[in-house]
Amino acid sequence: MGRALAEQFAAARAVFEEVDAALGQKLSNLMWNGPEADLTLTENAQPALMAVSMAVVRTLEAEHGIGVGSTASYVAGHSLGEYSALAAARTFSITDAARLLRIRGRAMQAATPVGSGAMAALLGLDFAAAAGVAAEAAQGEVCQAANDNSDGQVVVSGHKTAVERALEIAKAKGAKRAILLPVSAPFHCALMQPAADAMAEALAKAEMKVPIVPVVANVLATPITDPGEIRKRLVEQVTGTVRWRECVAAMSALGVATFVELGSGKVLTGLAKKNAPESKAFAVGTPEDVAAAAAQLKG
């Protein structure tokens, strides 16, 4: 995660150093040397993923003069990635984004007893059908549509017993697959209310600037720029549905023809191709990707 960027580019190295200093922890050492079990703890994984994304952003700026403000029309990020997007748009400093994500990760993990919650992917059902499955499975417990990733890929979240009921109901209603996900807590559902309260307190104290480009908010699927509204929507996002399918579709409708995923992995690139098939989409996460992206974005 980001090691090759740090070894090759001073701008990337500076991002990892800033995150380490913000957290009072050598998170970069954990990212590059493990143990993996510690890195995958959500309190570490969330700031780590943001760090890689910002390392790519700063490297593109420093090495190729490709800045978010001059190149992008909008920014967006999936769940914790919304903080990365806001850091890229300079609403948050990297230091504040790292500290907020550390608080967010700890609060989300602490919101429910270990093993009491679960998340599951329902494949082959549209959002309305998946939301109906969740409602039917709840039976007095919590079961909600947590991530609307693409048409036919919806994640539900809630009490473990309710989510297990959702698996069977989804299969009976024609889902191609319905599988439990290996997650540590039931994110983006009402069980996360204690974490939402913690984030409301943390965000109230955080310095926030107007983003240099609008952010398409997870819970709205529309662009916003007011720091007060951004703060409100980040709190809502903890318990609300990540409307990613609609976010990508909204940007496409606003004229976006190219989606660039900055950071670790290529999941969002795949989702962009599903949600806006007429658009181009590519990922930038390695030094080789940086050079290729520069050629495409400048061309």
Protein backbone atom coordinates (compact mmCIF):
# COMPACT_ATOMS: atom_id res chain seq x y z
CA MET A 1 0.00 0.00 0.00
CA GLY A 2 1.82 3.04 -1.28
CA ARG A 3 5.35 1.88 -0.56
CA ALA A 4 6.56 2.20 -4.17
CA LEU A 5 5.07 5.70 -4.34
CA ALA A 6 6.92 6.73 -1.18
CA GLU A 7 10.21 5.26 -2.40
CA GLN A 8 10.02 7.05 -5.74
CA PHE A 9 8.32 10.40 -5.01
CA ALA A 10 9.11 12.96 -2.30
CA ALA A 11 5.54 14.30 -2.42
CA ALA A 12 4.14 10.87 -1.60
CA ARG A 13 6.70 10.33 1.13
CA ALA A 14 5.66 13.62 2.73
CA VAL A 15 2.01 12.48 2.88
CA PHE A 16 2.88 9.29 4.78
CA GLU A 17 5.12 11.26 7.13
CA GLU A 18 2.28 13.73 7.79
CA VAL A 19 -0.17 10.92 8.56
CA ASP A 20 2.35 9.24 10.88
CA ALA A 21 2.85 12.52 12.73
CA ALA A 22 -0.90 13.21 12.92
CA LEU A 23 -1.59 9.85 14.53
CA GLY A 24 1.55 9.67 16.68
CA GLN A 25 2.11 6.24 15.15
CA LYS A 26 4.26 4.78 12.39
CA LEU A 27 1.23 3.80 10.35
CA SER A 28 3.41 3.70 7.23
CA ASN A 29 5.55 0.97 8.80
CA LEU A 30 2.43 -1.03 9.58
CA MET A 31 1.21 -0.56 6.00
CA TRP A 32 4.46 -1.79 4.50
CA ASN A 33 5.62 -4.40 7.00
CA GLY A 34 2.49 -5.58 8.80
CA PRO A 35 1.24 -7.50 10.61
CA GLU A 36 -1.72 -7.59 8.25
CA ALA A 37 -4.14 -8.37 11.09
CA ASP A 38 -3.32 -5.02 12.68
CA LEU A 39 -3.52 -3.11 9.39
CA THR A 40 -7.00 -4.48 8.66
CA LEU A 41 -8.35 -3.14 11.96
CA THR A 42 -10.72 -0.43 10.77
CA GLU A 43 -9.05 2.23 12.95
CA ASN A 44 -5.83 1.65 10.97
CA ALA A 45 -7.29 0.73 7.57
CA GLN A 46 -9.32 3.93 7.23
CA PRO A 47 -6.45 6.44 7.62
CA ALA A 48 -4.14 4.11 5.66
CA LEU A 49 -6.41 4.09 2.63
CA MET A 50 -6.76 7.87 2.80
CA ALA A 51 -2.97 8.21 2.97
CA VAL A 52 -2.46 6.23 -0.24
CA SER A 53 -5.11 8.25 -2.06
CA MET A 54 -3.55 11.53 -0.99
CA ALA A 55 -0.07 10.27 -1.88
CA VAL A 56 -1.33 9.78 -5.44
CA VAL A 57 -3.03 13.20 -5.47
CA ARG A 58 0.11 15.00 -4.28
CA THR A 59 2.38 13.05 -6.63
CA LEU A 60 0.27 13.96 -9.67
CA GLU A 61 0.41 17.60 -8.59
CA ALA A 62 4.14 17.68 -7.85
CA GLU A 63 5.41 15.56 -10.73
CA HIS A 64 3.02 16.47 -13.53
CA GLY A 65 1.21 19.65 -12.54
CA ILE A 66 -2.12 17.81 -12.51
CA GLY A 67 -4.12 19.27 -9.64
CA VAL A 68 -7.63 18.49 -8.46
CA GLY A 69 -8.70 22.12 -8.78
CA SER A 70 -7.52 22.48 -12.36
CA THR A 71 -8.39 19.00 -13.64
CA ALA A 72 -11.43 17.63 -11.81
CA SER A 73 -15.02 18.84 -12.07
CA TYR A 74 -16.12 16.92 -8.96
CA VAL A 75 -14.70 14.66 -6.27
CA ALA A 76 -16.40 11.73 -4.58
CA GLY A 77 -15.39 8.85 -2.35
CA HIS A 78 -17.06 5.65 -1.21
CA SER A 79 -17.69 5.63 2.56
CA LEU A 80 -14.33 6.47 4.22
CA GLY A 81 -13.20 7.58 0.75
CA GLU A 82 -15.41 10.62 1.12
CA TYR A 83 -12.81 11.93 3.60
CA SER A 84 -10.07 11.28 1.04
CA ALA A 85 -12.10 13.17 -1.56
CA LEU A 86 -12.55 16.08 0.84
CA ALA A 87 -8.84 16.11 1.64
CA ALA A 88 -8.10 16.16 -2.09
CA ALA A 89 -10.49 19.10 -2.42
CA ARG A 90 -8.76 20.81 0.56
CA THR A 91 -11.81 20.89 2.81
CA PHE A 92 -9.72 18.93 5.33
CA SER A 93 -5.99 18.96 5.81
CA ILE A 94 -4.32 15.56 5.58
CA THR A 95 -3.62 15.79 9.31
CA ASP A 96 -7.27 16.41 10.17
CA ALA A 97 -8.51 13.74 7.76
CA ALA A 98 -6.20 11.16 9.37
CA ARG A 99 -7.32 12.07 12.88
CA LEU A 100 -11.00 12.06 11.93
CA LEU A 101 -10.69 8.67 10.28
CA ARG A 102 -8.93 7.25 13.33
CA ILE A 103 -11.85 8.46 15.47
CA ARG A 104 -14.34 7.15 12.90
CA GLY A 105 -12.71 3.74 12.74
CA ARG A 106 -12.58 3.31 16.51
CA ALA A 107 -16.14 4.56 16.98
CA MET A 108 -17.55 2.28 14.29
CA GLN A 109 -15.80 -0.74 15.77
CA ALA A 110 -17.01 0.10 19.28
CA ALA A 111 -20.63 0.79 18.26
CA THR A 112 -21.73 -2.85 18.44
CA PRO A 113 -20.53 -5.93 20.36
CA VAL A 114 -18.17 -8.09 18.28
CA GLY A 115 -20.12 -10.72 16.37
CA SER A 116 -23.55 -9.17 16.89
CA GLY A 117 -23.69 -7.51 13.47
CA ALA A 118 -23.02 -8.53 9.89
CA MET A 119 -23.07 -7.33 6.29
CA ALA A 120 -23.97 -9.26 3.16
CA ALA A 121 -23.76 -8.66 -0.58
CA LEU A 122 -26.91 -9.35 -2.56
CA LEU A 123 -26.02 -9.85 -6.22
CA GLY A 124 -28.52 -9.81 -9.04
CA LEU A 125 -31.22 -7.74 -7.34
CA ASP A 126 -31.82 -4.05 -8.04
CA PHE A 127 -31.80 -1.56 -5.17
CA ALA A 128 -35.57 -1.53 -4.64
CA ALA A 129 -35.70 -5.32 -4.46
CA ALA A 130 -32.70 -5.49 -2.11
CA ALA A 131 -34.18 -2.82 0.16
CA GLY A 132 -37.40 -4.84 0.23
CA VAL A 133 -35.45 -7.93 1.22
CA ALA A 134 -33.80 -6.01 4.07
CA ALA A 135 -37.14 -4.69 5.32
CA GLU A 136 -38.68 -8.16 5.23
CA ALA A 137 -35.70 -9.68 7.02
CA ALA A 138 -35.62 -7.12 9.85
CA GLN A 139 -38.49 -8.59 11.91
CA GLY A 140 -37.98 -6.08 14.71
CA GLU A 141 -34.18 -6.01 14.34
CA VAL A 142 -32.01 -3.77 12.17
CA CYS A 143 -31.46 -4.73 8.54
CA GLN A 144 -30.87 -1.97 6.01
CA ALA A 145 -29.50 -1.41 2.54
CA ALA A 146 -26.04 -0.06 3.34
CA ASN A 147 -24.27 0.27 -0.03
CA ASP A 148 -25.97 0.71 -3.39
CA ASN A 149 -22.84 -0.02 -5.40
CA SER A 150 -24.27 -0.75 -8.83
CA ASP A 151 -27.36 -2.18 -10.44
CA GLY A 152 -27.36 -5.74 -9.14
CA GLN A 153 -24.82 -5.19 -6.35
CA VAL A 154 -26.33 -4.05 -3.05
CA VAL A 155 -24.92 -4.61 0.44
CA VAL A 156 -27.21 -4.97 3.46
CA SER A 157 -26.17 -4.41 7.07
CA GLY A 158 -27.59 -4.95 10.55
CA HIS A 159 -28.04 -7.52 13.28
CA LYS A 160 -26.36 -10.79 12.31
CA THR A 161 -29.55 -12.84 12.66
CA ALA A 162 -31.49 -10.39 10.48
CA VAL A 163 -28.78 -10.31 7.81
CA GLU A 164 -28.74 -14.12 7.77
CA ARG A 165 -32.51 -14.05 7.18
CA ALA A 166 -31.90 -11.60 4.33
CA LEU A 167 -29.60 -14.11 2.65
CA GLU A 168 -32.34 -16.71 2.46
CA ILE A 169 -35.05 -14.23 1.44
CA ALA A 170 -32.80 -12.81 -1.31
CA LYS A 171 -32.12 -16.25 -2.73
CA ALA A 172 -35.85 -17.02 -2.74
CA LYS A 173 -36.47 -13.76 -4.62
CA GLY A 174 -34.01 -14.62 -7.37
CA ALA A 175 -30.66 -13.20 -6.24
CA LYS A 176 -27.80 -14.72 -8.22
CA ARG A 177 -25.69 -14.81 -5.06
CA ALA A 178 -26.14 -13.72 -1.46
CA ILE A 179 -22.99 -13.88 0.65
CA LEU A 180 -21.85 -12.74 4.08
CA LEU A 181 -18.94 -10.29 3.93
CA PRO A 182 -15.80 -10.55 6.08
CA VAL A 183 -16.27 -7.28 7.97
CA SER A 184 -15.65 -6.39 11.59
CA ALA A 185 -18.87 -4.45 12.18
CA PRO A 186 -22.25 -3.66 10.52
CA PHE A 187 -21.41 -0.36 8.82
CA HIS A 188 -23.93 2.13 7.38
CA CYS A 189 -26.97 1.09 9.38
CA ALA A 190 -28.81 2.28 12.48
CA LEU A 191 -26.56 0.19 14.74
CA MET A 192 -23.81 2.73 13.99
CA GLN A 193 -25.66 5.58 15.77
CA PRO A 194 -23.06 5.75 18.60
CA ALA A 195 -20.38 6.24 15.93
CA ALA A 196 -22.47 8.92 14.23
CA ASP A 197 -22.70 10.75 17.56
CA ALA A 198 -18.92 10.51 17.98
CA MET A 199 -18.37 11.88 14.49
CA ALA A 200 -20.79 14.75 15.08
CA GLU A 201 -18.67 15.78 18.06
CA ALA A 202 -15.36 15.35 16.22
CA LEU A 203 -16.50 17.14 13.07
CA ALA A 204 -17.88 20.06 15.09
CA LYS A 205 -14.31 20.74 16.24
CA ALA A 206 -12.61 20.17 12.87
CA GLU A 207 -11.52 23.02 10.63
CA MET A 208 -13.34 22.77 7.30
CA LYS A 209 -12.85 24.91 4.20
CA VAL A 210 -14.98 25.28 1.10
CA PRO A 211 -13.83 22.53 -1.29
CA ILE A 212 -11.97 23.71 -4.39
CA VAL A 213 -14.33 21.51 -6.43
CA PRO A 214 -17.77 20.24 -5.35
CA VAL A 215 -18.02 16.91 -3.52
CA VAL A 216 -20.78 14.50 -4.49
CA ALA A 217 -22.07 13.39 -1.10
CA ASN A 218 -22.64 9.68 -0.46
CA VAL A 219 -26.03 10.17 1.18
CA LEU A 220 -27.37 12.71 -1.33
CA ALA A 221 -25.83 11.70 -4.68
CA THR A 222 -25.65 15.43 -5.49
CA PRO A 223 -22.74 17.92 -5.41
CA ILE A 224 -22.35 20.15 -2.33
CA THR A 225 -19.83 22.81 -1.33
CA ASP A 226 -21.02 24.34 1.95
CA PRO A 227 -18.83 23.17 4.87
CA GLY A 228 -21.81 23.08 7.23
CA GLU A 229 -23.73 20.82 4.88
CA ILE A 230 -20.67 18.64 4.30
CA ARG A 231 -20.33 18.20 8.06
CA LYS A 232 -24.00 17.24 8.38
CA ARG A 233 -23.84 14.73 5.54
CA LEU A 234 -20.68 13.09 6.89
CA VAL A 235 -22.52 12.43 10.15
CA GLU A 236 -25.54 11.04 8.29
CA GLN A 237 -23.25 8.85 6.20
CA VAL A 238 -22.26 6.74 9.24
CA THR A 239 -25.77 5.29 9.54
CA GLY A 240 -27.03 6.03 6.02
CA THR A 241 -26.87 4.34 2.65
CA VAL A 242 -23.84 4.94 0.44
CA ARG A 243 -25.65 5.80 -2.80
CA TRP A 244 -22.68 5.09 -5.02
CA ARG A 245 -24.61 3.97 -8.09
CA GLU A 246 -26.50 7.26 -8.04
CA CYS A 247 -23.35 9.29 -7.31
CA VAL A 248 -21.63 8.00 -10.45
CA ALA A 249 -24.80 8.39 -12.51
CA ALA A 250 -25.21 11.97 -11.24
CA MET A 251 -21.66 12.91 -12.25
CA SER A 252 -22.17 11.31 -15.65
CA ALA A 253 -25.40 13.28 -16.12
CA LEU A 254 -23.48 16.45 -15.24
CA GLY A 255 -21.09 15.80 -18.12
CA VAL A 256 -18.30 13.78 -16.51
CA ALA A 257 -16.83 11.51 -19.18
CA THR A 258 -13.73 10.24 -17.34
CA PHE A 259 -13.54 8.80 -13.82
CA VAL A 260 -10.13 8.49 -12.16
CA GLU A 261 -9.75 6.33 -9.05
CA LEU A 262 -6.87 7.61 -6.93
CA GLY A 263 -5.40 5.25 -4.34
CA SER A 264 -5.30 1.58 -3.45
CA GLY A 265 -7.27 -0.87 -5.56
CA LYS A 266 -9.53 -0.75 -8.61
CA VAL A 267 -12.98 -1.55 -7.20
CA LEU A 268 -14.43 1.89 -7.94
CA THR A 269 -13.07 1.80 -11.47
CA GLY A 270 -15.09 -1.34 -12.09
CA LEU A 271 -18.19 0.23 -10.56
CA ALA A 272 -17.76 3.36 -12.70
CA LYS A 273 -17.74 1.22 -15.81
CA LYS A 274 -20.95 -0.49 -14.67
CA ASN A 275 -22.74 2.68 -13.58
CA ALA A 276 -21.62 4.91 -16.46
CA PRO A 277 -20.73 2.46 -19.25
CA GLU A 278 -20.30 5.23 -21.82
CA SER A 279 -17.48 6.82 -19.78
CA LYS A 280 -13.77 6.09 -19.42
CA ALA A 281 -12.45 4.95 -16.04
CA PHE A 282 -8.98 4.07 -14.82
CA ALA A 283 -7.14 3.66 -11.52
CA VAL A 284 -3.94 5.30 -10.29
CA GLY A 285 -2.16 3.59 -7.43
CA THR A 286 1.44 2.88 -8.48
CA PRO A 287 4.32 4.90 -9.96
CA GLU A 288 3.59 3.29 -13.33
CA ASP A 289 -0.05 4.30 -13.04
CA VAL A 290 0.98 7.88 -12.28
CA ALA A 291 2.93 8.16 -15.52
CA ALA A 292 0.13 6.56 -17.55
CA ALA A 293 -2.51 8.80 -15.94
CA ALA A 294 -0.45 11.90 -16.64
CA ALA A 295 -0.26 10.98 -20.31
CA GLN A 296 -4.02 10.40 -20.50
CA LEU A 297 -5.07 13.47 -18.52
CA LYS A 298 -2.72 15.80 -20.38
CA GLY A 299 -3.54 14.28 -23.74
